[in-house]
């Protein structure tokens, strides 16, 4: 299901095109994933989308200037109140 949705979301674009479309913004990259793919739209947090942006930066596949603006990280837990 996830791979089919990714194919639909990307269309004729490559993953590099998606990163380039974010124009250096991790927030824009995460928002694109969260609004374009159901499996990345965990309402209220967009945790998966934020982690995807952080993973791209860690892997060296993207350079984001606003990475510190993200609120969720790959600790697999969102702090509970």
PDB file of N, CA and C in Angstrom:
ATOM      1  N   UNK A   1       0.824  -1.182   0.000  1.00  0.00           N
ATOM      2  CA  UNK A   1       0.000   0.000   0.000  1.00  0.00           C
ATOM      3  C   UNK A   1       0.878   1.260   0.000  1.00  0.00           C
ATOM      4  N   UNK A   2       1.900   1.267   0.856  1.00  0.00           N
ATOM      5  CA  UNK A   2       2.774   2.434   0.955  1.00  0.00           C
ATOM      6  C   UNK A   2       3.517   2.691  -0.358  1.00  0.00           C
ATOM      7  N   UNK A   3       3.990   1.648  -0.990  1.00  0.00           N
ATOM      8  CA  UNK A   3       4.718   1.826  -2.262  1.00  0.00           C
ATOM      9  C   UNK A   3       3.791   2.316  -3.366  1.00  0.00           C
ATOM     10  N   UNK A   4       2.561   1.814  -3.393  1.00  0.00           N
ATOM     11  CA  UNK A   4       1.606   2.292  -4.395  1.00  0.00           C
ATOM     12  C   UNK A   4       1.295   3.769  -4.174  1.00  0.00           C
ATOM     13  N   UNK A   5       1.115   4.127  -2.902  1.00  0.00           N
ATOM     14  CA  UNK A   5       0.821   5.521  -2.599  1.00  0.00           C
ATOM     15  C   UNK A   5       2.007   6.424  -2.944  1.00  0.00           C
ATOM     16  N   UNK A   6       3.222   5.962  -2.663  1.00  0.00           N
ATOM     17  CA  UNK A   6       4.409   6.737  -3.027  1.00  0.00           C
ATOM     18  C   UNK A   6       4.469   6.953  -4.533  1.00  0.00           C
ATOM     19  N   UNK A   7       4.215   5.906  -5.308  1.00  0.00           N
ATOM     20  CA  UNK A   7       4.210   6.036  -6.766  1.00  0.00           C
ATOM     21  C   UNK A   7       3.175   7.034  -7.240  1.00  0.00           C
ATOM     22  N   UNK A   8       1.980   6.984  -6.643  1.00  0.00           N
ATOM     23  CA  UNK A   8       0.919   7.935  -7.007  1.00  0.00           C
ATOM     24  C   UNK A   8       1.340   9.352  -6.638  1.00  0.00           C
ATOM     25  N   UNK A   9       1.903   9.518  -5.450  1.00  0.00           N
ATOM     26  CA  UNK A   9       2.311  10.836  -4.963  1.00  0.00           C
ATOM     27  C   UNK A   9       3.419  11.436  -5.820  1.00  0.00           C
ATOM     28  N   UNK A  10       4.421  10.643  -6.139  1.00  0.00           N
ATOM     29  CA  UNK A  10       5.536  11.159  -6.941  1.00  0.00           C
ATOM     30  C   UNK A  10       5.133  11.403  -8.393  1.00  0.00           C
ATOM     31  N   UNK A  11       4.296  10.534  -8.950  1.00  0.00           N
ATOM     32  CA  UNK A  11       3.923  10.689 -10.354  1.00  0.00           C
ATOM     33  C   UNK A  11       5.156  10.617 -11.229  1.00  0.00           C
ATOM     34  N   UNK A  12       5.379  11.649 -12.005  1.00  0.00           N
ATOM     35  CA  UNK A  12       6.550  11.707 -12.894  1.00  0.00           C
ATOM     36  C   UNK A  12       7.780  12.279 -12.213  1.00  0.00           C
ATOM     37  N   UNK A  13       7.640  12.691 -10.952  1.00  0.00           N
ATOM     38  CA  UNK A  13       8.768  13.276 -10.227  1.00  0.00           C
ATOM     39  C   UNK A  13       9.650  12.179  -9.652  1.00  0.00           C
ATOM     40  N   UNK A  14      10.899  12.521  -9.388  1.00  0.00           N
ATOM     41  CA  UNK A  14      11.796  11.627  -8.656  1.00  0.00           C
ATOM     42  C   UNK A  14      11.821  12.086  -7.195  1.00  0.00           C
ATOM     43  N   UNK A  15      12.402  11.274  -6.339  1.00  0.00           N
ATOM     44  CA  UNK A  15      12.557  11.671  -4.939  1.00  0.00           C
ATOM     45  C   UNK A  15      13.420  12.936  -4.850  1.00  0.00           C
ATOM     46  N   UNK A  16      14.420  13.041  -5.716  1.00  0.00           N
ATOM     47  CA  UNK A  16      15.264  14.239  -5.735  1.00  0.00           C
ATOM     48  C   UNK A  16      14.439  15.475  -6.096  1.00  0.00           C
ATOM     49  N   UNK A  17      13.462  15.315  -6.989  1.00  0.00           N
ATOM     50  CA  UNK A  17      12.584  16.432  -7.347  1.00  0.00           C
ATOM     51  C   UNK A  17      11.769  16.893  -6.142  1.00  0.00           C
ATOM     52  N   UNK A  18      11.346  15.937  -5.337  1.00  0.00           N
ATOM     53  CA  UNK A  18      10.575  16.266  -4.136  1.00  0.00           C
ATOM     54  C   UNK A  18      11.432  17.074  -3.163  1.00  0.00           C
ATOM     55  N   UNK A  19      12.670  16.664  -2.962  1.00  0.00           N
ATOM     56  CA  UNK A  19      13.595  17.395  -2.096  1.00  0.00           C
ATOM     57  C   UNK A  19      13.856  18.783  -2.672  1.00  0.00           C
ATOM     58  N   UNK A  20      14.105  18.867  -3.967  1.00  0.00           N
ATOM     59  CA  UNK A  20      14.366  20.160  -4.602  1.00  0.00           C
ATOM     60  C   UNK A  20      13.158  21.087  -4.480  1.00  0.00           C
ATOM     61  N   UNK A  21      11.962  20.526  -4.570  1.00  0.00           N
ATOM     62  CA  UNK A  21      10.745  21.313  -4.456  1.00  0.00           C
ATOM     63  C   UNK A  21      10.569  21.944  -3.084  1.00  0.00           C
ATOM     64  N   UNK A  22      11.206  21.383  -2.093  1.00  0.00           N
ATOM     65  CA  UNK A  22      11.137  21.939  -0.733  1.00  0.00           C
ATOM     66  C   UNK A  22      12.014  23.173  -0.595  1.00  0.00           C
ATOM     67  N   UNK A  23      12.884  23.402  -1.547  1.00  0.00           N
ATOM     68  CA  UNK A  23      13.730  24.602  -1.595  1.00  0.00           C
ATOM     69  C   UNK A  23      14.470  24.862  -0.279  1.00  0.00           C
ATOM     70  N   UNK A  24      15.059  23.793   0.274  1.00  0.00           N
ATOM     71  CA  UNK A  24      15.870  23.945   1.476  1.00  0.00           C
ATOM     72  C   UNK A  24      15.096  23.984   2.777  1.00  0.00           C
ATOM     73  N   UNK A  25      13.795  23.739   2.726  1.00  0.00           N
ATOM     74  CA  UNK A  25      12.968  23.813   3.930  1.00  0.00           C
ATOM     75  C   UNK A  25      12.500  22.424   4.362  1.00  0.00           C
ATOM     76  N   UNK A  26      12.962  22.000   5.538  1.00  0.00           N
ATOM     77  CA  UNK A  26      12.519  20.718   6.105  1.00  0.00           C
ATOM     78  C   UNK A  26      11.027  20.769   6.408  1.00  0.00           C
ATOM     79  N   UNK A  27      10.570  21.915   6.865  1.00  0.00           N
ATOM     80  CA  UNK A  27       9.144  22.074   7.166  1.00  0.00           C
ATOM     81  C   UNK A  27       8.308  21.918   5.900  1.00  0.00           C
ATOM     82  N   UNK A  28       8.738  22.522   4.815  1.00  0.00           N
ATOM     83  CA  UNK A  28       8.018  22.409   3.541  1.00  0.00           C
ATOM     84  C   UNK A  28       8.049  20.968   3.033  1.00  0.00           C
ATOM     85  N   UNK A  29       9.184  20.291   3.184  1.00  0.00           N
ATOM     86  CA  UNK A  29       9.309  18.894   2.770  1.00  0.00           C
ATOM     87  C   UNK A  29       8.334  18.021   3.567  1.00  0.00           C
ATOM     88  N   UNK A  30       8.325  18.193   4.891  1.00  0.00           N
ATOM     89  CA  UNK A  30       7.433  17.407   5.750  1.00  0.00           C
ATOM     90  C   UNK A  30       5.974  17.701   5.440  1.00  0.00           C
ATOM     91  N   UNK A  31       5.653  18.948   5.229  1.00  0.00           N
ATOM     92  CA  UNK A  31       4.276  19.316   4.907  1.00  0.00           C
ATOM     93  C   UNK A  31       3.834  18.700   3.584  1.00  0.00           C
ATOM     94  N   UNK A  32       4.733  18.661   2.631  1.00  0.00           N
ATOM     95  CA  UNK A  32       4.429  18.050   1.343  1.00  0.00           C
ATOM     96  C   UNK A  32       4.085  16.577   1.504  1.00  0.00           C
ATOM     97  N   UNK A  33       4.884  15.873   2.299  1.00  0.00           N
ATOM     98  CA  UNK A  33       4.597  14.457   2.552  1.00  0.00           C
ATOM     99  C   UNK A  33       3.286  14.285   3.307  1.00  0.00           C
ATOM    100  N   UNK A  34       3.090  15.086   4.351  1.00  0.00           N
ATOM    101  CA  UNK A  34       1.909  14.940   5.206  1.00  0.00           C
ATOM    102  C   UNK A  34       0.613  15.274   4.479  1.00  0.00           C
ATOM    103  N   UNK A  35       0.661  16.213   3.582  1.00  0.00           N
ATOM    104  CA  UNK A  35      -0.556  16.581   2.857  1.00  0.00           C
ATOM    105  C   UNK A  35      -0.754  15.759   1.594  1.00  0.00           C
ATOM    106  N   UNK A  36       0.301  15.116   1.128  1.00  0.00           N
ATOM    107  CA  UNK A  36       0.195  14.373  -0.124  1.00  0.00           C
ATOM    108  C   UNK A  36       0.078  12.864   0.020  1.00  0.00           C
ATOM    109  N   UNK A  37       0.413  12.345   1.201  1.00  0.00           N
ATOM    110  CA  UNK A  37       0.395  10.894   1.396  1.00  0.00           C
ATOM    111  C   UNK A  37      -0.317  10.550   2.703  1.00  0.00           C
ATOM    112  N   UNK A  38      -1.341   9.735   2.614  1.00  0.00           N
ATOM    113  CA  UNK A  38      -2.142   9.354   3.770  1.00  0.00           C
ATOM    114  C   UNK A  38      -1.301   8.768   4.901  1.00  0.00           C
ATOM    115  N   UNK A  39      -0.347   7.918   4.582  1.00  0.00           N
ATOM    116  CA  UNK A  39       0.442   7.260   5.623  1.00  0.00           C
ATOM    117  C   UNK A  39       1.394   8.211   6.352  1.00  0.00           C
ATOM    118  N   UNK A  40       1.596   9.400   5.815  1.00  0.00           N
ATOM    119  CA  UNK A  40       2.436  10.393   6.482  1.00  0.00           C
ATOM    120  C   UNK A  40       1.594  11.434   7.220  1.00  0.00           C
ATOM    121  N   UNK A  41       0.290  11.316   7.122  1.00  0.00           N
ATOM    122  CA  UNK A  41      -0.601  12.317   7.711  1.00  0.00           C
ATOM    123  C   UNK A  41      -1.122  11.845   9.060  1.00  0.00           C
ATOM    124  N   UNK A  42      -0.267  11.808  10.056  1.00  0.00           N
ATOM    125  CA  UNK A  42      -0.693  11.499  11.415  1.00  0.00           C
ATOM    126  C   UNK A  42      -1.046  12.832  12.073  1.00  0.00           C
ATOM    127  N   UNK A  43      -2.308  13.188  11.952  1.00  0.00           N
ATOM    128  CA  UNK A  43      -2.827  14.493  12.322  1.00  0.00           C
ATOM    129  C   UNK A  43      -2.322  14.994  13.674  1.00  0.00           C
ATOM    130  N   UNK A  44      -1.981  16.258  13.676  1.00  0.00           N
ATOM    131  CA  UNK A  44      -1.532  16.908  14.897  1.00  0.00           C
ATOM    132  C   UNK A  44      -0.024  16.912  15.082  1.00  0.00           C
ATOM    133  N   UNK A  45       0.652  15.947  14.519  1.00  0.00           N
ATOM    134  CA  UNK A  45       2.097  15.846  14.720  1.00  0.00           C
ATOM    135  C   UNK A  45       2.889  15.802  13.422  1.00  0.00           C
ATOM    136  N   UNK A  46       2.379  15.104  12.428  1.00  0.00           N
ATOM    137  CA  UNK A  46       3.130  14.849  11.190  1.00  0.00           C
ATOM    138  C   UNK A  46       4.501  14.278  11.519  1.00  0.00           C
ATOM    139  N   UNK A  47       4.524  13.414  12.530  1.00  0.00           N
ATOM    140  CA  UNK A  47       5.783  12.863  13.020  1.00  0.00           C
ATOM    141  C   UNK A  47       6.535  12.108  11.930  1.00  0.00           C
ATOM    142  N   UNK A  48       5.856  11.243  11.210  1.00  0.00           N
ATOM    143  CA  UNK A  48       6.539  10.463  10.170  1.00  0.00           C
ATOM    144  C   UNK A  48       7.148  11.378   9.109  1.00  0.00           C
ATOM    145  N   UNK A  49       6.417  12.408   8.739  1.00  0.00           N
ATOM    146  CA  UNK A  49       6.904  13.342   7.727  1.00  0.00           C
ATOM    147  C   UNK A  49       8.116  14.121   8.239  1.00  0.00           C
ATOM    148  N   UNK A  50       8.089  14.507   9.516  1.00  0.00           N
ATOM    149  CA  UNK A  50       9.222  15.221  10.092  1.00  0.00           C
ATOM    150  C   UNK A  50      10.452  14.320  10.182  1.00  0.00           C
ATOM    151  N   UNK A  51      10.233  13.075  10.578  1.00  0.00           N
ATOM    152  CA  UNK A  51      11.345  12.128  10.651  1.00  0.00           C
ATOM    153  C   UNK A  51      11.918  11.874   9.264  1.00  0.00           C
ATOM    154  N   UNK A  52      11.062  11.824   8.248  1.00  0.00           N
ATOM    155  CA  UNK A  52      11.539  11.634   6.872  1.00  0.00           C
ATOM    156  C   UNK A  52      12.454  12.790   6.469  1.00  0.00           C
ATOM    157  N   UNK A  53      12.088  14.004   6.841  1.00  0.00           N
ATOM    158  CA  UNK A  53      12.937  15.162   6.530  1.00  0.00           C
ATOM    159  C   UNK A  53      14.273  15.046   7.258  1.00  0.00           C
ATOM    160  N   UNK A  54      14.243  14.702   8.530  1.00  0.00           N
ATOM    161  CA  UNK A  54      15.479  14.548   9.301  1.00  0.00           C
ATOM    162  C   UNK A  54      16.339  13.429   8.726  1.00  0.00           C
ATOM    163  N   UNK A  55      15.720  12.329   8.326  1.00  0.00           N
ATOM    164  CA  UNK A  55      16.462  11.208   7.731  1.00  0.00           C
ATOM    165  C   UNK A  55      17.146  11.616   6.433  1.00  0.00           C
ATOM    166  N   UNK A  56      16.462  12.424   5.625  1.00  0.00           N
ATOM    167  CA  UNK A  56      17.068  12.896   4.374  1.00  0.00           C
ATOM    168  C   UNK A  56      18.314  13.733   4.666  1.00  0.00           C
ATOM    169  N   UNK A  57      18.229  14.570   5.691  1.00  0.00           N
ATOM    170  CA  UNK A  57      19.378  15.409   6.059  1.00  0.00           C
ATOM    171  C   UNK A  57      20.524  14.559   6.595  1.00  0.00           C
ATOM    172  N   UNK A  58      20.211  13.603   7.459  1.00  0.00           N
ATOM    173  CA  UNK A  58      21.244  12.733   8.030  1.00  0.00           C
ATOM    174  C   UNK A  58      21.940  11.925   6.948  1.00  0.00           C
ATOM    175  N   UNK A  59      21.171  11.472   5.960  1.00  0.00           N
ATOM    176  CA  UNK A  59      21.728  10.668   4.869  1.00  0.00           C
ATOM    177  C   UNK A  59      22.520  11.516   3.873  1.00  0.00           C
ATOM    178  N   UNK A  60      22.421  12.826   3.993  1.00  0.00           N
ATOM    179  CA  UNK A  60      23.125  13.699   3.057  1.00  0.00           C
ATOM    180  C   UNK A  60      22.381  13.878   1.743  1.00  0.00           C
ATOM    181  N   UNK A  61      21.124  13.454   1.693  1.00  0.00           N
ATOM    182  CA  UNK A  61      20.323  13.568   0.474  1.00  0.00           C
ATOM    183  C   UNK A  61      19.663  14.929   0.345  1.00  0.00           C
ATOM    184  N   UNK A  62      19.642  15.686   1.434  1.00  0.00           N
ATOM    185  CA  UNK A  62      19.020  17.006   1.422  1.00  0.00           C
ATOM    186  C   UNK A  62      19.732  17.906   2.412  1.00  0.00           C
ATOM    187  N   UNK A  63      19.742  19.186   2.103  1.00  0.00           N
ATOM    188  CA  UNK A  63      20.276  20.185   3.020  1.00  0.00           C
ATOM    189  C   UNK A  63      19.140  21.151   3.327  1.00  0.00           C
ATOM    190  N   UNK A  64      18.681  21.103   4.575  1.00  0.00           N
ATOM    191  CA  UNK A  64      17.588  21.957   4.996  1.00  0.00           C
ATOM    192  C   UNK A  64      18.117  23.037   5.933  1.00  0.00           C
ATOM    193  N   UNK A  65      17.650  24.255   5.736  1.00  0.00           N
ATOM    194  CA  UNK A  65      18.112  25.367   6.560  1.00  0.00           C
ATOM    195  C   UNK A  65      17.293  25.535   7.834  1.00  0.00           C
ATOM    196  N   UNK A  66      16.147  24.862   7.909  1.00  0.00           N
ATOM    197  CA  UNK A  66      15.260  25.043   9.061  1.00  0.00           C
ATOM    198  C   UNK A  66      15.002  23.734   9.813  1.00  0.00           C
ATOM    199  N   UNK A  67      15.946  22.823   9.772  1.00  0.00           N
ATOM    200  CA  UNK A  67      15.779  21.515  10.399  1.00  0.00           C
ATOM    201  C   UNK A  67      15.454  21.642  11.899  1.00  0.00           C
ATOM    202  N   UNK A  68      15.981  22.646  12.543  1.00  0.00           N
ATOM    203  CA  UNK A  68      15.732  22.840  13.970  1.00  0.00           C
ATOM    204  C   UNK A  68      14.285  23.229  14.260  1.00  0.00           C
ATOM    205  N   UNK A  69      13.527  23.594  13.244  1.00  0.00           N
ATOM    206  CA  UNK A  69      12.122  23.959  13.427  1.00  0.00           C
ATOM    207  C   UNK A  69      11.225  22.741  13.620  1.00  0.00           C
ATOM    208  N   UNK A  70      11.726  21.561  13.267  1.00  0.00           N
ATOM    209  CA  UNK A  70      10.913  20.360  13.401  1.00  0.00           C
ATOM    210  C   UNK A  70      10.709  20.042  14.876  1.00  0.00           C
ATOM    211  N   UNK A  71       9.573  19.424  15.183  1.00  0.00           N
ATOM    212  CA  UNK A  71       9.240  19.171  16.584  1.00  0.00           C
ATOM    213  C   UNK A  71       9.284  17.703  16.969  1.00  0.00           C
ATOM    214  N   UNK A  72       9.347  16.795  16.015  1.00  0.00           N
ATOM    215  CA  UNK A  72       9.376  15.355  16.314  1.00  0.00           C
ATOM    216  C   UNK A  72      10.685  14.777  15.808  1.00  0.00           C
ATOM    217  N   UNK A  73      11.220  13.846  16.557  1.00  0.00           N
ATOM    218  CA  UNK A  73      12.483  13.249  16.172  1.00  0.00           C
ATOM    219  C   UNK A  73      12.404  11.742  16.249  1.00  0.00           C
ATOM    220  N   UNK A  74      13.404  11.068  15.779  1.00  0.00           N
ATOM    221  CA  UNK A  74      13.389   9.613  15.630  1.00  0.00           C
ATOM    222  C   UNK A  74      13.584   8.873  16.943  1.00  0.00           C
ATOM    223  N   UNK A  75      12.927   9.327  17.984  1.00  0.00           N
ATOM    224  CA  UNK A  75      12.998   8.621  19.258  1.00  0.00           C
ATOM    225  C   UNK A  75      11.835   7.652  19.409  1.00  0.00           C
ATOM    226  N   UNK A  76      10.966   7.620  18.417  1.00  0.00           N
ATOM    227  CA  UNK A  76       9.772   6.771  18.377  1.00  0.00           C
ATOM    228  C   UNK A  76       8.753   7.086  19.447  1.00  0.00           C
ATOM    229  N   UNK A  77       8.915   8.157  20.148  1.00  0.00           N
ATOM    230  CA  UNK A  77       7.928   8.594  21.137  1.00  0.00           C
ATOM    231  C   UNK A  77       7.685  10.084  21.014  1.00  0.00           C
ATOM    232  N   UNK A  78       6.433  10.460  21.034  1.00  0.00           N
ATOM    233  CA  UNK A  78       6.088  11.868  21.132  1.00  0.00           C
ATOM    234  C   UNK A  78       5.830  12.100  22.606  1.00  0.00           C
ATOM    235  N   UNK A  79       6.454  13.129  23.191  1.00  0.00           N
ATOM    236  CA  UNK A  79       6.269  13.353  24.627  1.00  0.00           C
ATOM    237  C   UNK A  79       4.788  13.413  25.009  1.00  0.00           C
ATOM    238  N   UNK A  80       4.458  12.783  26.093  1.00  0.00           N
ATOM    239  CA  UNK A  80       3.083  12.750  26.580  1.00  0.00           C
ATOM    240  C   UNK A  80       2.915  13.780  27.677  1.00  0.00           C
ATOM    241  N   UNK A  81       1.781  14.416  27.664  1.00  0.00           N
ATOM    242  CA  UNK A  81       1.474  15.437  28.693  1.00  0.00           C
ATOM    243  C   UNK A  81       0.803  14.744  29.866  1.00  0.00           C
TER     244      UNK A  81
END
